[in-house]
């Protein structure tokens, strides 16, 4: 006679699932996003779970979103923007005639 397993009560299944996730270092989160972005959030979560270079890049970009760099000068802004992929800017050298009179 085959051994049959009784279906576990929902509370027990949830508890086992949470224990397994905790052992794996995984946490469940719930977020509210526009419906059009749900597929993106799921793709990001999948990439983070799987690890690798894509996950590393997403973590770096996430850090940049959480703690954006602040440029205090025009030169710092150009340097900051120059760190972005695909962004190229060339400014002509500034001449003395182009400087503003600050009144000091």
PDB file of N, CA and C in Angstrom:
ATOM      1  N   UNK A   1       0.845  -1.156   0.000  1.00  0.00           N
ATOM      2  CA  UNK A   1       0.000   0.000   0.000  1.00  0.00           C
ATOM      3  C   UNK A   1       0.902   1.234   0.000  1.00  0.00           C
ATOM      4  N   UNK A   2       0.653   2.176  -0.896  1.00  0.00           N
ATOM      5  CA  UNK A   2       1.461   3.382  -1.033  1.00  0.00           C
ATOM      6  C   UNK A   2       1.200   4.311   0.146  1.00  0.00           C
ATOM      7  N   UNK A   3       2.273   4.910   0.583  1.00  0.00           N
ATOM      8  CA  UNK A   3       2.160   5.853   1.686  1.00  0.00           C
ATOM      9  C   UNK A   3       1.592   7.163   1.161  1.00  0.00           C
ATOM     10  N   UNK A   4       0.546   7.643   1.752  1.00  0.00           N
ATOM     11  CA  UNK A   4      -0.060   8.902   1.307  1.00  0.00           C
ATOM     12  C   UNK A   4       0.247   9.985   2.326  1.00  0.00           C
ATOM     13  N   UNK A   5       0.551  11.172   1.809  1.00  0.00           N
ATOM     14  CA  UNK A   5       0.805  12.327   2.678  1.00  0.00           C
ATOM     15  C   UNK A   5      -0.457  13.152   2.741  1.00  0.00           C
ATOM     16  N   UNK A   6      -0.841  13.473   3.947  1.00  0.00           N
ATOM     17  CA  UNK A   6      -1.969  14.378   4.093  1.00  0.00           C
ATOM     18  C   UNK A   6      -1.512  15.778   3.730  1.00  0.00           C
ATOM     19  N   UNK A   7      -2.377  16.533   3.143  1.00  0.00           N
ATOM     20  CA  UNK A   7      -2.066  17.907   2.802  1.00  0.00           C
ATOM     21  C   UNK A   7      -1.883  18.695   4.093  1.00  0.00           C
ATOM     22  N   UNK A   8      -0.768  19.428   4.160  1.00  0.00           N
ATOM     23  CA  UNK A   8      -0.492  20.216   5.352  1.00  0.00           C
ATOM     24  C   UNK A   8      -1.447  21.396   5.425  1.00  0.00           C
ATOM     25  N   UNK A   9      -1.797  21.813   6.630  1.00  0.00           N
ATOM     26  CA  UNK A   9      -2.624  23.008   6.758  1.00  0.00           C
ATOM     27  C   UNK A   9      -1.864  24.227   6.218  1.00  0.00           C
ATOM     28  N   UNK A  10      -2.565  25.231   5.717  1.00  0.00           N
ATOM     29  CA  UNK A  10      -1.900  26.404   5.131  1.00  0.00           C
ATOM     30  C   UNK A  10      -0.884  27.054   6.061  1.00  0.00           C
ATOM     31  N   UNK A  11      -1.191  27.179   7.334  1.00  0.00           N
ATOM     32  CA  UNK A  11      -0.265  27.821   8.276  1.00  0.00           C
ATOM     33  C   UNK A  11       1.050  27.049   8.356  1.00  0.00           C
ATOM     34  N   UNK A  12       0.985  25.733   8.344  1.00  0.00           N
ATOM     35  CA  UNK A  12       2.187  24.895   8.423  1.00  0.00           C
ATOM     36  C   UNK A  12       2.996  25.012   7.130  1.00  0.00           C
ATOM     37  N   UNK A  13       2.317  25.030   5.978  1.00  0.00           N
ATOM     38  CA  UNK A  13       3.006  25.185   4.688  1.00  0.00           C
ATOM     39  C   UNK A  13       3.738  26.518   4.640  1.00  0.00           C
ATOM     40  N   UNK A  14       3.069  27.575   5.091  1.00  0.00           N
ATOM     41  CA  UNK A  14       3.679  28.904   5.087  1.00  0.00           C
ATOM     42  C   UNK A  14       4.892  28.935   6.015  1.00  0.00           C
ATOM     43  N   UNK A  15       4.758  28.330   7.182  1.00  0.00           N
ATOM     44  CA  UNK A  15       5.866  28.302   8.136  1.00  0.00           C
ATOM     45  C   UNK A  15       7.068  27.560   7.550  1.00  0.00           C
ATOM     46  N   UNK A  16       6.826  26.437   6.896  1.00  0.00           N
ATOM     47  CA  UNK A  16       7.920  25.671   6.280  1.00  0.00           C
ATOM     48  C   UNK A  16       8.566  26.473   5.147  1.00  0.00           C
ATOM     49  N   UNK A  17       7.730  27.143   4.360  1.00  0.00           N
ATOM     50  CA  UNK A  17       8.249  27.973   3.265  1.00  0.00           C
ATOM     51  C   UNK A  17       9.139  29.082   3.821  1.00  0.00           C
ATOM     52  N   UNK A  18       8.700  29.736   4.881  1.00  0.00           N
ATOM     53  CA  UNK A  18       9.486  30.827   5.475  1.00  0.00           C
ATOM     54  C   UNK A  18      10.795  30.319   6.069  1.00  0.00           C
ATOM     55  N   UNK A  19      10.758  29.146   6.686  1.00  0.00           N
ATOM     56  CA  UNK A  19      11.983  28.563   7.238  1.00  0.00           C
ATOM     57  C   UNK A  19      12.981  28.246   6.127  1.00  0.00           C
ATOM     58  N   UNK A  20      12.488  27.684   5.042  1.00  0.00           N
ATOM     59  CA  UNK A  20      13.347  27.342   3.904  1.00  0.00           C
ATOM     60  C   UNK A  20      13.951  28.620   3.295  1.00  0.00           C
ATOM     61  N   UNK A  21      13.135  29.654   3.133  1.00  0.00           N
ATOM     62  CA  UNK A  21      13.618  30.916   2.578  1.00  0.00           C
ATOM     63  C   UNK A  21      14.671  31.540   3.492  1.00  0.00           C
ATOM     64  N   UNK A  22      14.444  31.469   4.796  1.00  0.00           N
ATOM     65  CA  UNK A  22      15.398  32.032   5.752  1.00  0.00           C
ATOM     66  C   UNK A  22      16.737  31.309   5.669  1.00  0.00           C
ATOM     67  N   UNK A  23      16.702  29.981   5.535  1.00  0.00           N
ATOM     68  CA  UNK A  23      17.949  29.210   5.392  1.00  0.00           C
ATOM     69  C   UNK A  23      18.699  29.629   4.134  1.00  0.00           C
ATOM     70  N   UNK A  24      17.975  29.978   3.075  1.00  0.00           N
ATOM     71  CA  UNK A  24      18.589  30.380   1.806  1.00  0.00           C
ATOM     72  C   UNK A  24      18.980  31.859   1.796  1.00  0.00           C
ATOM     73  N   UNK A  25      18.623  32.595   2.846  1.00  0.00           N
ATOM     74  CA  UNK A  25      18.939  34.019   2.900  1.00  0.00           C
ATOM     75  C   UNK A  25      18.043  34.857   2.007  1.00  0.00           C
ATOM     76  N   UNK A  26      16.838  34.392   1.771  1.00  0.00           N
ATOM     77  CA  UNK A  26      15.891  35.085   0.893  1.00  0.00           C
ATOM     78  C   UNK A  26      14.798  35.714   1.740  1.00  0.00           C
ATOM     79  N   UNK A  27      14.419  36.938   1.389  1.00  0.00           N
ATOM     80  CA  UNK A  27      13.320  37.625   2.082  1.00  0.00           C
ATOM     81  C   UNK A  27      12.265  38.006   1.077  1.00  0.00           C
ATOM     82  N   UNK A  28      11.035  37.911   1.489  1.00  0.00           N
ATOM     83  CA  UNK A  28       9.917  38.291   0.638  1.00  0.00           C
ATOM     84  C   UNK A  28       9.588  39.752   0.904  1.00  0.00           C
ATOM     85  N   UNK A  29       9.360  40.502  -0.167  1.00  0.00           N
ATOM     86  CA  UNK A  29       8.974  41.897  -0.039  1.00  0.00           C
ATOM     87  C   UNK A  29       7.739  42.142  -0.889  1.00  0.00           C
ATOM     88  N   UNK A  30       6.975  43.119  -0.479  1.00  0.00           N
ATOM     89  CA  UNK A  30       5.803  43.509  -1.249  1.00  0.00           C
ATOM     90  C   UNK A  30       5.950  44.985  -1.565  1.00  0.00           C
ATOM     91  N   UNK A  31       5.803  45.320  -2.827  1.00  0.00           N
ATOM     92  CA  UNK A  31       5.925  46.710  -3.250  1.00  0.00           C
ATOM     93  C   UNK A  31       4.728  47.075  -4.126  1.00  0.00           C
ATOM     94  N   UNK A  32       4.407  48.343  -4.124  1.00  0.00           N
ATOM     95  CA  UNK A  32       3.348  48.848  -4.990  1.00  0.00           C
ATOM     96  C   UNK A  32       4.004  49.668  -6.092  1.00  0.00           C
ATOM     97  N   UNK A  33       3.813  49.250  -7.324  1.00  0.00           N
ATOM     98  CA  UNK A  33       4.378  49.936  -8.486  1.00  0.00           C
ATOM     99  C   UNK A  33       3.300  50.069  -9.541  1.00  0.00           C
ATOM    100  N   UNK A  34       3.490  50.980 -10.499  1.00  0.00           N
ATOM    101  CA  UNK A  34       2.520  51.055 -11.594  1.00  0.00           C
ATOM    102  C   UNK A  34       2.423  49.702 -12.313  1.00  0.00           C
ATOM    103  N   UNK A  35       1.233  49.374 -12.751  1.00  0.00           N
ATOM    104  CA  UNK A  35       0.998  48.073 -13.387  1.00  0.00           C
ATOM    105  C   UNK A  35       1.957  47.820 -14.547  1.00  0.00           C
ATOM    106  N   UNK A  36       2.298  48.852 -15.284  1.00  0.00           N
ATOM    107  CA  UNK A  36       3.190  48.691 -16.433  1.00  0.00           C
ATOM    108  C   UNK A  36       4.607  48.282 -16.018  1.00  0.00           C
ATOM    109  N   UNK A  37       4.977  48.498 -14.745  1.00  0.00           N
ATOM    110  CA  UNK A  37       6.332  48.199 -14.281  1.00  0.00           C
ATOM    111  C   UNK A  37       6.459  46.864 -13.556  1.00  0.00           C
ATOM    112  N   UNK A  38       5.368  46.160 -13.380  1.00  0.00           N
ATOM    113  CA  UNK A  38       5.413  44.883 -12.648  1.00  0.00           C
ATOM    114  C   UNK A  38       6.393  43.911 -13.301  1.00  0.00           C
ATOM    115  N   UNK A  39       6.363  43.814 -14.623  1.00  0.00           N
ATOM    116  CA  UNK A  39       7.261  42.871 -15.304  1.00  0.00           C
ATOM    117  C   UNK A  39       8.724  43.254 -15.070  1.00  0.00           C
ATOM    118  N   UNK A  40       9.014  44.556 -14.970  1.00  0.00           N
ATOM    119  CA  UNK A  40      10.386  44.996 -14.722  1.00  0.00           C
ATOM    120  C   UNK A  40      10.829  44.606 -13.316  1.00  0.00           C
ATOM    121  N   UNK A  41       9.977  44.837 -12.335  1.00  0.00           N
ATOM    122  CA  UNK A  41      10.314  44.498 -10.948  1.00  0.00           C
ATOM    123  C   UNK A  41      10.558  42.993 -10.821  1.00  0.00           C
ATOM    124  N   UNK A  42       9.719  42.206 -11.456  1.00  0.00           N
ATOM    125  CA  UNK A  42       9.914  40.743 -11.410  1.00  0.00           C
ATOM    126  C   UNK A  42      11.233  40.347 -12.065  1.00  0.00           C
ATOM    127  N   UNK A  43      11.561  40.978 -13.194  1.00  0.00           N
ATOM    128  CA  UNK A  43      12.827  40.672 -13.874  1.00  0.00           C
ATOM    129  C   UNK A  43      14.015  41.072 -13.008  1.00  0.00           C
ATOM    130  N   UNK A  44      13.928  42.246 -12.342  1.00  0.00           N
ATOM    131  CA  UNK A  44      15.007  42.670 -11.454  1.00  0.00           C
ATOM    132  C   UNK A  44      15.172  41.678 -10.304  1.00  0.00           C
ATOM    133  N   UNK A  45      14.060  41.278  -9.707  1.00  0.00           N
ATOM    134  CA  UNK A  45      14.111  40.337  -8.580  1.00  0.00           C
ATOM    135  C   UNK A  45      14.724  39.008  -9.019  1.00  0.00           C
ATOM    136  N   UNK A  46      14.335  38.524 -10.193  1.00  0.00           N
ATOM    137  CA  UNK A  46      14.881  37.253 -10.703  1.00  0.00           C
ATOM    138  C   UNK A  46      16.390  37.384 -10.908  1.00  0.00           C
ATOM    139  N   UNK A  47      16.826  38.496 -11.512  1.00  0.00           N
ATOM    140  CA  UNK A  47      18.259  38.697 -11.755  1.00  0.00           C
ATOM    141  C   UNK A  47      19.032  38.763 -10.442  1.00  0.00           C
ATOM    142  N   UNK A  48      18.471  39.440  -9.437  1.00  0.00           N
ATOM    143  CA  UNK A  48      19.145  39.529  -8.135  1.00  0.00           C
ATOM    144  C   UNK A  48      19.235  38.162  -7.468  1.00  0.00           C
ATOM    145  N   UNK A  49      18.168  37.358  -7.575  1.00  0.00           N
ATOM    146  CA  UNK A  49      18.189  36.003  -6.995  1.00  0.00           C
ATOM    147  C   UNK A  49      19.242  35.132  -7.658  1.00  0.00           C
ATOM    148  N   UNK A  50      19.363  35.255  -8.990  1.00  0.00           N
ATOM    149  CA  UNK A  50      20.275  34.396  -9.735  1.00  0.00           C
ATOM    150  C   UNK A  50      21.736  34.807  -9.560  1.00  0.00           C
ATOM    151  N   UNK A  51      21.972  36.073  -9.192  1.00  0.00           N
ATOM    152  CA  UNK A  51      23.336  36.537  -8.987  1.00  0.00           C
ATOM    153  C   UNK A  51      24.055  36.779 -10.305  1.00  0.00           C
ATOM    154  N   UNK A  52      25.367  36.914 -10.238  1.00  0.00           N
ATOM    155  CA  UNK A  52      26.166  37.127 -11.442  1.00  0.00           C
ATOM    156  C   UNK A  52      26.400  38.598 -11.726  1.00  0.00           C
ATOM    157  N   UNK A  53      26.927  38.868 -12.921  1.00  0.00           N
ATOM    158  CA  UNK A  53      27.312  40.237 -13.265  1.00  0.00           C
ATOM    159  C   UNK A  53      26.113  41.159 -13.405  1.00  0.00           C
ATOM    160  N   UNK A  54      24.996  40.647 -13.916  1.00  0.00           N
ATOM    161  CA  UNK A  54      23.809  41.494 -14.030  1.00  0.00           C
ATOM    162  C   UNK A  54      23.333  41.919 -12.646  1.00  0.00           C
ATOM    163  N   UNK A  55      23.320  41.000 -11.698  1.00  0.00           N
ATOM    164  CA  UNK A  55      22.918  41.334 -10.321  1.00  0.00           C
ATOM    165  C   UNK A  55      23.872  42.366  -9.725  1.00  0.00           C
ATOM    166  N   UNK A  56      25.160  42.214  -9.992  1.00  0.00           N
ATOM    167  CA  UNK A  56      26.141  43.179  -9.488  1.00  0.00           C
ATOM    168  C   UNK A  56      25.873  44.565 -10.055  1.00  0.00           C
ATOM    169  N   UNK A  57      25.598  44.643 -11.363  1.00  0.00           N
ATOM    170  CA  UNK A  57      25.315  45.939 -11.995  1.00  0.00           C
ATOM    171  C   UNK A  57      24.044  46.560 -11.435  1.00  0.00           C
ATOM    172  N   UNK A  58      23.015  45.736 -11.202  1.00  0.00           N
ATOM    173  CA  UNK A  58      21.766  46.253 -10.637  1.00  0.00           C
ATOM    174  C   UNK A  58      21.987  46.792  -9.224  1.00  0.00           C
ATOM    175  N   UNK A  59      22.802  46.111  -8.442  1.00  0.00           N
ATOM    176  CA  UNK A  59      23.087  46.583  -7.083  1.00  0.00           C
ATOM    177  C   UNK A  59      23.825  47.927  -7.112  1.00  0.00           C
ATOM    178  N   UNK A  60      24.783  48.062  -8.025  1.00  0.00           N
ATOM    179  CA  UNK A  60      25.516  49.326  -8.148  1.00  0.00           C
ATOM    180  C   UNK A  60      24.567  50.437  -8.561  1.00  0.00           C
ATOM    181  N   UNK A  61      23.713  50.166  -9.540  1.00  0.00           N
ATOM    182  CA  UNK A  61      22.754  51.178  -9.975  1.00  0.00           C
ATOM    183  C   UNK A  61      21.769  51.522  -8.863  1.00  0.00           C
ATOM    184  N   UNK A  62      21.384  50.533  -8.084  1.00  0.00           N
ATOM    185  CA  UNK A  62      20.498  50.778  -6.954  1.00  0.00           C
ATOM    186  C   UNK A  62      21.138  51.690  -5.934  1.00  0.00           C
ATOM    187  N   UNK A  63      22.429  51.476  -5.669  1.00  0.00           N
ATOM    188  CA  UNK A  63      23.164  52.352  -4.753  1.00  0.00           C
ATOM    189  C   UNK A  63      23.188  53.782  -5.283  1.00  0.00           C
ATOM    190  N   UNK A  64      23.381  53.917  -6.592  1.00  0.00           N
ATOM    191  CA  UNK A  64      23.424  55.252  -7.188  1.00  0.00           C
ATOM    192  C   UNK A  64      22.065  55.939  -7.102  1.00  0.00           C
ATOM    193  N   UNK A  65      20.994  55.167  -7.146  1.00  0.00           N
ATOM    194  CA  UNK A  65      19.657  55.738  -7.012  1.00  0.00           C
ATOM    195  C   UNK A  65      19.403  56.139  -5.562  1.00  0.00           C
ATOM    196  N   UNK A  66      19.800  55.274  -4.621  1.00  0.00           N
ATOM    197  CA  UNK A  66      19.596  55.566  -3.205  1.00  0.00           C
ATOM    198  C   UNK A  66      20.453  56.725  -2.718  1.00  0.00           C
ATOM    199  N   UNK A  67      21.682  56.775  -3.207  1.00  0.00           N
ATOM    200  CA  UNK A  67      22.648  57.793  -2.757  1.00  0.00           C
ATOM    201  C   UNK A  67      23.270  58.454  -3.987  1.00  0.00           C
ATOM    202  N   UNK A  68      22.525  59.322  -4.645  1.00  0.00           N
ATOM    203  CA  UNK A  68      23.072  59.931  -5.863  1.00  0.00           C
ATOM    204  C   UNK A  68      24.246  60.851  -5.564  1.00  0.00           C
ATOM    205  N   UNK A  69      25.198  60.843  -6.489  1.00  0.00           N
ATOM    206  CA  UNK A  69      26.336  61.743  -6.363  1.00  0.00           C
ATOM    207  C   UNK A  69      25.862  63.166  -6.639  1.00  0.00           C
ATOM    208  N   UNK A  70      26.443  64.103  -5.937  1.00  0.00           N
ATOM    209  CA  UNK A  70      26.058  65.499  -6.095  1.00  0.00           C
ATOM    210  C   UNK A  70      27.262  66.261  -6.647  1.00  0.00           C
ATOM    211  N   UNK A  71      27.022  67.007  -7.710  1.00  0.00           N
ATOM    212  CA  UNK A  71      28.084  67.815  -8.307  1.00  0.00           C
ATOM    213  C   UNK A  71      27.974  69.230  -7.770  1.00  0.00           C
ATOM    214  N   UNK A  72      29.067  69.731  -7.200  1.00  0.00           N
ATOM    215  CA  UNK A  72      29.043  71.076  -6.634  1.00  0.00           C
ATOM    216  C   UNK A  72      29.599  72.126  -7.592  1.00  0.00           C
ATOM    217  N   UNK A  73      30.233  71.666  -8.675  1.00  0.00           N
ATOM    218  CA  UNK A  73      30.758  72.605  -9.666  1.00  0.00           C
ATOM    219  C   UNK A  73      30.393  72.098 -11.055  1.00  0.00           C
ATOM    220  N   UNK A  74      30.542  72.959 -12.049  1.00  0.00           N
ATOM    221  CA  UNK A  74      30.291  72.554 -13.433  1.00  0.00           C
ATOM    222  C   UNK A  74      31.224  71.442 -13.862  1.00  0.00           C
ATOM    223  N   UNK A  75      32.494  71.542 -13.471  1.00  0.00           N
ATOM    224  CA  UNK A  75      33.473  70.506 -13.826  1.00  0.00           C
ATOM    225  C   UNK A  75      33.098  69.169 -13.186  1.00  0.00           C
ATOM    226  N   UNK A  76      32.628  69.216 -11.932  1.00  0.00           N
ATOM    227  CA  UNK A  76      32.213  67.984 -11.257  1.00  0.00           C
ATOM    228  C   UNK A  76      30.995  67.381 -11.950  1.00  0.00           C
ATOM    229  N   UNK A  77      30.083  68.229 -12.431  1.00  0.00           N
ATOM    230  CA  UNK A  77      28.909  67.745 -13.150  1.00  0.00           C
ATOM    231  C   UNK A  77      29.309  67.059 -14.450  1.00  0.00           C
ATOM    232  N   UNK A  78      30.214  67.670 -15.208  1.00  0.00           N
ATOM    233  CA  UNK A  78      30.681  67.065 -16.456  1.00  0.00           C
ATOM    234  C   UNK A  78      31.360  65.727 -16.154  1.00  0.00           C
ATOM    235  N   UNK A  79      32.191  65.683 -15.109  1.00  0.00           N
ATOM    236  CA  UNK A  79      32.865  64.436 -14.734  1.00  0.00           C
ATOM    237  C   UNK A  79      31.846  63.376 -14.317  1.00  0.00           C
ATOM    238  N   UNK A  80      30.837  63.781 -13.561  1.00  0.00           N
ATOM    239  CA  UNK A  80      29.802  62.856 -13.105  1.00  0.00           C
ATOM    240  C   UNK A  80      29.023  62.291 -14.292  1.00  0.00           C
ATOM    241  N   UNK A  81      28.634  63.158 -15.197  1.00  0.00           N
ATOM    242  CA  UNK A  81      27.902  62.702 -16.378  1.00  0.00           C
ATOM    243  C   UNK A  81      28.780  61.842 -17.269  1.00  0.00           C
ATOM    244  N   UNK A  82      30.069  62.115 -17.294  1.00  0.00           N
ATOM    245  CA  UNK A  82      30.993  61.327 -18.100  1.00  0.00           C
ATOM    246  C   UNK A  82      31.113  59.890 -17.626  1.00  0.00           C
ATOM    247  N   UNK A  83      30.702  59.607 -16.393  1.00  0.00           N
ATOM    248  CA  UNK A  83      30.746  58.243 -15.864  1.00  0.00           C
ATOM    249  C   UNK A  83      29.597  57.396 -16.386  1.00  0.00           C
ATOM    250  N   UNK A  84      28.602  58.021 -16.964  1.00  0.00           N
ATOM    251  CA  UNK A  84      27.438  57.292 -17.463  1.00  0.00           C
ATOM    252  C   UNK A  84      27.732  56.698 -18.829  1.00  0.00           C
ATOM    253  N   UNK A  85      27.239  55.495 -19.062  1.00  0.00           N
ATOM    254  CA  UNK A  85      27.425  54.838 -20.348  1.00  0.00           C
ATOM    255  C   UNK A  85      26.766  55.639 -21.457  1.00  0.00           C
ATOM    256  N   UNK A  86      27.488  55.841 -22.537  1.00  0.00           N
ATOM    257  CA  UNK A  86      26.932  56.493 -23.709  1.00  0.00           C
ATOM    258  C   UNK A  86      26.869  58.003 -23.627  1.00  0.00           C
ATOM    259  N   UNK A  87      27.281  58.601 -22.523  1.00  0.00           N
ATOM    260  CA  UNK A  87      27.220  60.059 -22.402  1.00  0.00           C
ATOM    261  C   UNK A  87      28.579  60.632 -22.769  1.00  0.00           C
ATOM    262  N   UNK A  88      28.586  61.482 -23.766  1.00  0.00           N
ATOM    263  CA  UNK A  88      29.821  62.143 -24.190  1.00  0.00           C
ATOM    264  C   UNK A  88      29.551  63.644 -24.284  1.00  0.00           C
ATOM    265  N   UNK A  89      30.447  64.422 -23.743  1.00  0.00           N
ATOM    266  CA  UNK A  89      30.320  65.871 -23.838  1.00  0.00           C
ATOM    267  C   UNK A  89      31.712  66.458 -24.009  1.00  0.00           C
ATOM    268  N   UNK A  90      31.799  67.400 -24.902  1.00  0.00           N
ATOM    269  CA  UNK A  90      33.056  68.101 -25.107  1.00  0.00           C
ATOM    270  C   UNK A  90      32.760  69.590 -25.000  1.00  0.00           C
ATOM    271  N   UNK A  91      33.388  70.238 -24.077  1.00  0.00           N
ATOM    272  CA  UNK A  91      33.207  71.666 -23.891  1.00  0.00           C
ATOM    273  C   UNK A  91      34.444  72.397 -24.394  1.00  0.00           C
ATOM    274  N   UNK A  92      34.238  73.516 -25.080  1.00  0.00           N
ATOM    275  CA  UNK A  92      35.408  74.279 -25.519  1.00  0.00           C
ATOM    276  C   UNK A  92      36.092  74.889 -24.300  1.00  0.00           C
ATOM    277  N   UNK A  93      37.380  75.101 -24.385  1.00  0.00           N
ATOM    278  CA  UNK A  93      38.069  75.715 -23.245  1.00  0.00           C
ATOM    279  C   UNK A  93      37.519  77.115 -22.998  1.00  0.00           C
ATOM    280  N   UNK A  94      37.439  77.475 -21.774  1.00  0.00           N
ATOM    281  CA  UNK A  94      36.904  78.776 -21.407  1.00  0.00           C
ATOM    282  C   UNK A  94      38.017  79.826 -21.487  1.00  0.00           C
ATOM    283  N   UNK A  95      37.709  80.949 -22.063  1.00  0.00           N
ATOM    284  CA  UNK A  95      38.709  82.003 -22.202  1.00  0.00           C
ATOM    285  C   UNK A  95      38.464  83.071 -21.146  1.00  0.00           C
ATOM    286  N   UNK A  96      39.417  83.927 -20.958  1.00  0.00           N
ATOM    287  CA  UNK A  96      39.287  85.018 -19.991  1.00  0.00           C
ATOM    288  C   UNK A  96      38.093  85.896 -20.326  1.00  0.00           C
ATOM    289  N   UNK A  97      37.866  86.137 -21.632  1.00  0.00           N
ATOM    290  CA  UNK A  97      36.739  86.966 -22.028  1.00  0.00           C
ATOM    291  C   UNK A  97      35.397  86.337 -21.630  1.00  0.00           C
ATOM    292  N   UNK A  98      35.390  85.013 -21.495  1.00  0.00           N
ATOM    293  CA  UNK A  98      34.145  84.319 -21.156  1.00  0.00           C
ATOM    294  C   UNK A  98      33.833  84.300 -19.673  1.00  0.00           C
ATOM    295  N   UNK A  99      34.766  84.758 -18.832  1.00  0.00           N
ATOM    296  CA  UNK A  99      34.537  84.725 -17.396  1.00  0.00           C
ATOM    297  C   UNK A  99      33.595  85.852 -16.967  1.00  0.00           C
ATOM    298  N   UNK A 100      32.814  85.596 -15.960  1.00  0.00           N
ATOM    299  CA  UNK A 100      31.895  86.617 -15.444  1.00  0.00           C
ATOM    300  C   UNK A 100      32.583  87.513 -14.438  1.00  0.00           C
ATOM    301  N   UNK A 101      32.128  88.736 -14.386  1.00  0.00           N
ATOM    302  CA  UNK A 101      32.634  89.667 -13.384  1.00  0.00           C
ATOM    303  C   UNK A 101      31.782  89.467 -12.132  1.00  0.00           C
ATOM    304  N   UNK A 102      32.400  89.019 -11.053  1.00  0.00           N
ATOM    305  CA  UNK A 102      31.651  88.744  -9.835  1.00  0.00           C
ATOM    306  C   UNK A 102      31.567  89.960  -8.924  1.00  0.00           C
ATOM    307  N   UNK A 103      32.277  91.032  -9.268  1.00  0.00           N
ATOM    308  CA  UNK A 103      32.194  92.235  -8.472  1.00  0.00           C
ATOM    309  C   UNK A 103      33.146  92.255  -7.291  1.00  0.00           C
ATOM    310  N   UNK A 104      33.974  91.256  -7.166  1.00  0.00           N
ATOM    311  CA  UNK A 104      34.923  91.231  -6.035  1.00  0.00           C
ATOM    312  C   UNK A 104      36.240  91.822  -6.425  1.00  0.00           C
TER     313      UNK A 104
END
